[in-house]
Amino acid sequence: MIVFDKVGKVYPNGVRGLDNVSLSINQGEFVAIIGLSGAGKSTLIRAINKMHGITEGNLTVDGIDVKNLKGKKLRQFRRKIGMVFQSFNLVTRTTVIQNVLAAFVPDLSFGRVLFGIFPKKDRLLALEALEKVGILDKAYTRVDQLSGGQQQRVALARNLAQNPSIILADEPVAALDPVTARQVMDDFKKINKELGISILINIHHVELALEYASRIIGIREGRIIYDGPSEKVNQTILDTIYRKDTSKEVV
């Protein structure tokens, strides 16, 4: 379970990224976070694995106090939380399987990493992860020969190889065409349903958020404006989330 308790985030320049955020996310939920650019969507996602440290309140993941994690304990904590980015974050001049095997680098000796020597069990896990996202046939293809959608699937497979309990996705389909975006969202939905992995997606495609996520969190100016089932989101709620005027709120 992920628990935000009156969480705030103020950046060094004085900008408030999160403002008194309190919410709980249960294991196995598929949550989409929507809002205007700069509303705090990425800050909310990245606070969970401490890519952005919070400045107020408390944040726990499975009972672990995230705010006070550092060093080795923080690295170990992040091993159970996958992170998917808009830009894929792949090494494009090497093969698909080498990119997925990168998930195991923190557990290997320097010599093994230097010479690319991975145990058989890690290679099998990498191949299984590629199969789960439907690109096993591309395992030995160079990444720069893949489409954008295929590259995002490689990034997702790299996360799956870690056996995470949570996957955070920061605008994972923003750079993709509509057809490919749906294919990638299908992968997220399949992983959520079949593996029970919690999925939290920061997404600006409202129609995809409503179609795929079971829960919507609407955020504006760092504050939670809506938190509830996707089927209950209506135009009035969307207008409130995406309106810059904060005189009215949906509770």
Protein backbone atom coordinates (compact mmCIF):
# COMPACT_ATOMS: atom_id res chain seq x y z
CA MET A 1 0.00 0.00 0.00
CA ILE A 2 1.14 3.52 -0.84
CA VAL A 3 0.07 6.15 1.70
CA PHE A 4 0.45 9.92 1.30
CA ASP A 5 -0.28 11.72 4.58
CA LYS A 6 -0.46 15.51 4.23
CA VAL A 7 2.47 15.43 1.81
CA GLY A 8 3.95 18.65 0.51
CA LYS A 9 6.80 19.36 -1.88
CA VAL A 10 8.40 22.77 -2.27
CA TYR A 11 11.19 23.12 -4.82
CA PRO A 12 14.31 25.23 -4.10
CA ASN A 13 12.94 28.03 -6.31
CA GLY A 14 9.86 28.24 -4.10
CA VAL A 15 7.46 26.49 -6.47
CA ARG A 16 5.05 24.19 -4.63
CA GLY A 17 4.81 20.84 -6.43
CA LEU A 18 2.49 19.12 -3.95
CA ASP A 19 0.17 20.76 -1.45
CA ASN A 20 -1.26 18.79 1.50
CA VAL A 21 -1.77 15.56 -0.47
CA SER A 22 -3.42 12.68 1.40
CA LEU A 23 -4.39 9.46 -0.36
CA SER A 24 -3.92 5.70 -0.22
CA ILE A 25 -3.32 3.33 -3.12
CA ASN A 26 -3.86 -0.38 -2.58
CA GLN A 27 -1.80 -3.15 -4.12
CA GLY A 28 -3.05 -4.12 -7.57
CA GLU A 29 -4.78 -0.85 -8.45
CA PHE A 30 -4.52 0.76 -11.89
CA VAL A 31 -4.42 4.51 -11.28
CA ALA A 32 -4.17 7.32 -13.82
CA ILE A 33 -3.11 10.79 -12.71
CA ILE A 34 -4.42 13.63 -14.86
CA GLY A 35 -4.13 17.41 -14.87
CA LEU A 36 -2.61 20.40 -16.60
CA SER A 37 1.10 20.59 -17.38
CA GLY A 38 2.85 21.70 -14.21
CA ALA A 39 -0.05 20.61 -11.99
CA GLY A 40 2.13 18.19 -10.00
CA LYS A 41 1.52 14.88 -11.81
CA SER A 42 5.19 13.98 -12.25
CA THR A 43 6.03 15.20 -8.77
CA LEU A 44 3.39 12.91 -7.28
CA ILE A 45 4.65 9.89 -9.24
CA ARG A 46 8.33 10.56 -8.56
CA ALA A 47 7.84 11.13 -4.85
CA ILE A 48 6.91 7.44 -4.49
CA ASN A 49 10.40 6.21 -5.34
CA LYS A 50 12.07 9.36 -3.97
CA MET A 51 13.23 10.69 -7.31
CA HIS A 52 11.74 13.85 -5.79
CA GLY A 53 12.05 14.09 -2.03
CA ILE A 54 9.08 15.47 -0.12
CA THR A 55 9.43 18.44 2.23
CA GLU A 56 6.27 18.03 4.32
CA GLY A 57 4.15 15.20 5.68
CA ASN A 58 4.76 11.47 5.47
CA LEU A 59 4.91 8.98 2.60
CA THR A 60 5.06 5.23 3.15
CA VAL A 61 5.19 2.31 0.72
CA ASP A 62 4.36 -1.07 2.25
CA GLY A 63 5.07 0.45 5.65
CA ILE A 64 8.48 1.85 4.65
CA ASP A 65 9.07 5.54 5.40
CA VAL A 66 10.26 6.83 2.02
CA LYS A 67 11.37 10.26 3.21
CA ASN A 68 14.19 8.91 5.36
CA LEU A 69 15.58 6.38 2.86
CA LYS A 70 19.07 6.95 1.50
CA GLY A 71 22.11 5.10 0.23
CA LYS A 72 21.92 1.32 0.01
CA LYS A 73 18.47 1.14 1.60
CA LEU A 74 17.08 3.53 -1.00
CA ARG A 75 18.61 1.49 -3.83
CA GLN A 76 17.15 -1.71 -2.42
CA PHE A 77 13.75 -0.06 -2.04
CA ARG A 78 13.76 1.10 -5.66
CA ARG A 79 14.41 -2.46 -6.88
CA LYS A 80 10.75 -3.24 -6.16
CA ILE A 81 9.44 -0.17 -7.96
CA GLY A 82 9.64 -0.05 -11.75
CA MET A 83 9.85 3.27 -13.57
CA VAL A 84 8.85 3.86 -17.20
CA PHE A 85 9.66 7.18 -18.87
CA GLN A 86 8.38 8.98 -21.96
CA SER A 87 11.87 8.89 -23.51
CA PHE A 88 12.29 5.09 -23.00
CA ASN A 89 15.81 5.50 -21.47
CA LEU A 90 17.35 2.70 -23.55
CA VAL A 91 20.84 2.15 -24.96
CA THR A 92 19.84 2.20 -28.61
CA ARG A 93 23.12 0.89 -30.04
CA THR A 94 22.87 -2.46 -28.31
CA THR A 95 20.35 -5.32 -28.38
CA VAL A 96 16.96 -5.56 -26.79
CA ILE A 97 18.00 -8.32 -24.38
CA GLN A 98 21.06 -6.36 -23.26
CA ASN A 99 18.77 -3.48 -22.32
CA VAL A 100 16.49 -5.76 -20.32
CA LEU A 101 19.48 -7.39 -18.61
CA ALA A 102 20.45 -3.92 -17.37
CA ALA A 103 17.82 -4.49 -14.67
CA PHE A 104 20.20 -6.96 -13.01
CA VAL A 105 23.33 -4.78 -13.11
CA PRO A 106 23.02 -3.59 -9.47
CA ASP A 107 23.25 -7.22 -8.30
CA LEU A 108 26.40 -8.12 -10.26
CA SER A 109 30.10 -7.69 -9.61
CA PHE A 110 32.01 -5.00 -11.50
CA GLY A 111 33.79 -7.64 -13.59
CA ARG A 112 30.56 -9.25 -14.75
CA VAL A 113 29.10 -5.88 -15.66
CA LEU A 114 32.28 -4.84 -17.49
CA PHE A 115 32.30 -7.92 -19.70
CA GLY A 116 28.52 -8.36 -19.96
CA ILE A 117 28.51 -11.74 -18.21
CA PHE A 118 25.03 -12.45 -16.88
CA PRO A 119 23.92 -15.68 -15.13
CA LYS A 120 21.67 -18.02 -17.09
CA LYS A 121 18.79 -17.37 -14.68
CA ASP A 122 18.95 -13.63 -15.42
CA ARG A 123 18.89 -14.27 -19.17
CA LEU A 124 15.86 -16.52 -18.77
CA LEU A 125 14.07 -13.87 -16.70
CA ALA A 126 14.86 -11.27 -19.36
CA LEU A 127 13.44 -13.49 -22.11
CA GLU A 128 10.32 -14.18 -20.02
CA ALA A 129 9.81 -10.44 -19.53
CA LEU A 130 10.07 -9.86 -23.29
CA GLU A 131 7.53 -12.59 -23.89
CA LYS A 132 5.08 -10.93 -21.50
CA VAL A 133 5.10 -7.75 -23.59
CA GLY A 134 4.97 -9.59 -26.92
CA ILE A 135 8.42 -8.85 -28.36
CA LEU A 136 10.40 -12.00 -27.60
CA ASP A 137 11.18 -12.27 -31.32
CA LYS A 138 13.09 -8.97 -31.08
CA ALA A 139 15.42 -10.12 -28.26
CA TYR A 140 18.58 -9.96 -30.36
CA THR A 141 17.60 -6.96 -32.50
CA ARG A 142 19.34 -3.63 -31.98
CA VAL A 143 17.07 -1.17 -30.20
CA ASP A 144 17.59 1.53 -32.82
CA GLN A 145 15.87 -0.74 -35.35
CA LEU A 146 12.63 -0.80 -33.35
CA SER A 147 9.60 1.45 -33.53
CA GLY A 148 8.77 3.81 -30.67
CA GLY A 149 6.08 1.47 -29.38
CA GLN A 150 8.46 -1.49 -29.42
CA GLN A 151 11.08 0.53 -27.57
CA GLN A 152 8.57 1.40 -24.86
CA ARG A 153 7.80 -2.31 -24.55
CA VAL A 154 11.50 -3.00 -24.06
CA ALA A 155 11.51 -0.43 -21.26
CA LEU A 156 8.47 -2.13 -19.73
CA ALA A 157 10.13 -5.57 -20.02
CA ARG A 158 13.22 -4.22 -18.25
CA ASN A 159 10.96 -3.21 -15.38
CA LEU A 160 9.20 -6.59 -15.31
CA ALA A 161 12.55 -8.37 -15.06
CA GLN A 162 12.98 -6.74 -11.64
CA ASN A 163 9.79 -8.45 -10.42
CA PRO A 164 8.36 -5.18 -9.11
CA SER A 165 5.24 -4.80 -7.00
CA ILE A 166 4.66 -1.28 -8.38
CA ILE A 167 5.28 0.28 -11.78
CA LEU A 168 5.34 4.06 -12.09
CA ALA A 169 4.92 5.46 -15.60
CA ASP A 170 5.63 9.12 -16.35
CA GLU A 171 3.86 10.03 -19.62
CA PRO A 172 4.71 6.62 -21.17
CA VAL A 173 2.65 7.11 -24.35
CA ALA A 174 3.12 10.85 -24.94
CA ALA A 175 5.62 10.28 -27.77
CA LEU A 176 3.57 7.57 -29.50
CA ASP A 177 0.92 7.70 -32.20
CA PRO A 178 -2.68 6.89 -31.12
CA VAL A 179 -2.65 3.26 -32.32
CA THR A 180 0.70 2.46 -30.72
CA ALA A 181 -0.31 4.27 -27.53
CA ARG A 182 -3.28 1.93 -27.13
CA GLN A 183 -1.06 -1.09 -27.70
CA VAL A 184 1.26 0.01 -24.91
CA MET A 185 -1.69 0.76 -22.63
CA ASP A 186 -2.97 -2.75 -23.39
CA ASP A 187 0.35 -4.07 -22.09
CA PHE A 188 0.00 -2.09 -18.86
CA LYS A 189 -3.55 -3.38 -18.39
CA LYS A 190 -2.48 -6.98 -19.02
CA ILE A 191 0.38 -6.72 -16.53
CA ASN A 192 -1.92 -5.18 -13.93
CA LYS A 193 -4.59 -7.88 -14.33
CA GLU A 194 -2.41 -10.96 -14.76
CA LEU A 195 0.46 -10.14 -12.39
CA GLY A 196 -1.32 -7.97 -9.81
CA ILE A 197 1.27 -5.21 -10.17
CA SER A 198 0.12 -1.76 -9.11
CA ILE A 199 0.23 0.65 -12.05
CA LEU A 200 0.38 4.42 -11.56
CA ILE A 201 0.41 6.40 -14.78
CA ASN A 202 0.86 10.12 -15.22
CA ILE A 203 -0.93 10.73 -18.52
CA HIS A 204 -2.23 13.70 -20.49
CA HIS A 205 -4.49 11.62 -22.76
CA VAL A 206 -7.72 11.87 -20.75
CA GLU A 207 -9.60 9.44 -22.98
CA LEU A 208 -6.95 6.74 -22.44
CA ALA A 209 -6.94 7.40 -18.70
CA LEU A 210 -10.70 6.91 -18.49
CA GLU A 211 -10.64 3.82 -20.70
CA TYR A 212 -7.81 1.91 -19.04
CA ALA A 213 -7.54 3.01 -15.41
CA SER A 214 -10.01 1.93 -12.75
CA ARG A 215 -9.22 4.98 -10.61
CA ILE A 216 -8.56 8.57 -11.58
CA ILE A 217 -6.65 11.12 -9.53
CA GLY A 218 -7.09 14.67 -10.77
CA ILE A 219 -4.48 17.16 -9.60
CA ARG A 220 -4.25 20.93 -10.01
CA GLU A 221 -1.64 23.29 -8.57
CA GLY A 222 -0.32 20.45 -6.41
CA ARG A 223 -3.68 19.66 -4.83
CA ILE A 224 -5.93 16.64 -5.30
CA ILE A 225 -9.13 17.85 -6.98
CA TYR A 226 -10.70 14.47 -7.75
CA ASP A 227 -9.99 10.95 -6.54
CA GLY A 228 -12.44 8.25 -7.52
CA PRO A 229 -13.62 5.65 -10.05
CA SER A 230 -13.01 6.42 -13.71
CA GLU A 231 -16.66 5.73 -14.58
CA LYS A 232 -17.79 8.59 -12.33
CA VAL A 233 -15.67 11.20 -14.07
CA ASN A 234 -17.89 13.63 -15.97
CA GLN A 235 -17.34 16.84 -17.90
CA THR A 236 -17.92 19.00 -14.82
CA ILE A 237 -15.15 17.20 -12.97
CA LEU A 238 -12.81 17.46 -15.95
CA ASP A 239 -13.55 21.17 -16.31
CA THR A 240 -12.65 21.65 -12.65
CA ILE A 241 -9.40 19.68 -12.92
CA TYR A 242 -8.27 21.54 -16.02
CA ARG A 243 -9.42 25.02 -14.99
CA LYS A 244 -6.68 27.26 -13.65
CA ASP A 245 -9.14 29.17 -11.47
CA THR A 246 -9.13 27.47 -8.04
CA SER A 247 -12.25 29.09 -6.63
CA LYS A 248 -14.21 25.83 -6.92
CA GLU A 249 -13.24 22.28 -6.14
CA VAL A 250 -14.66 18.79 -6.52
CA VAL A 251 -14.49 16.67 -3.41
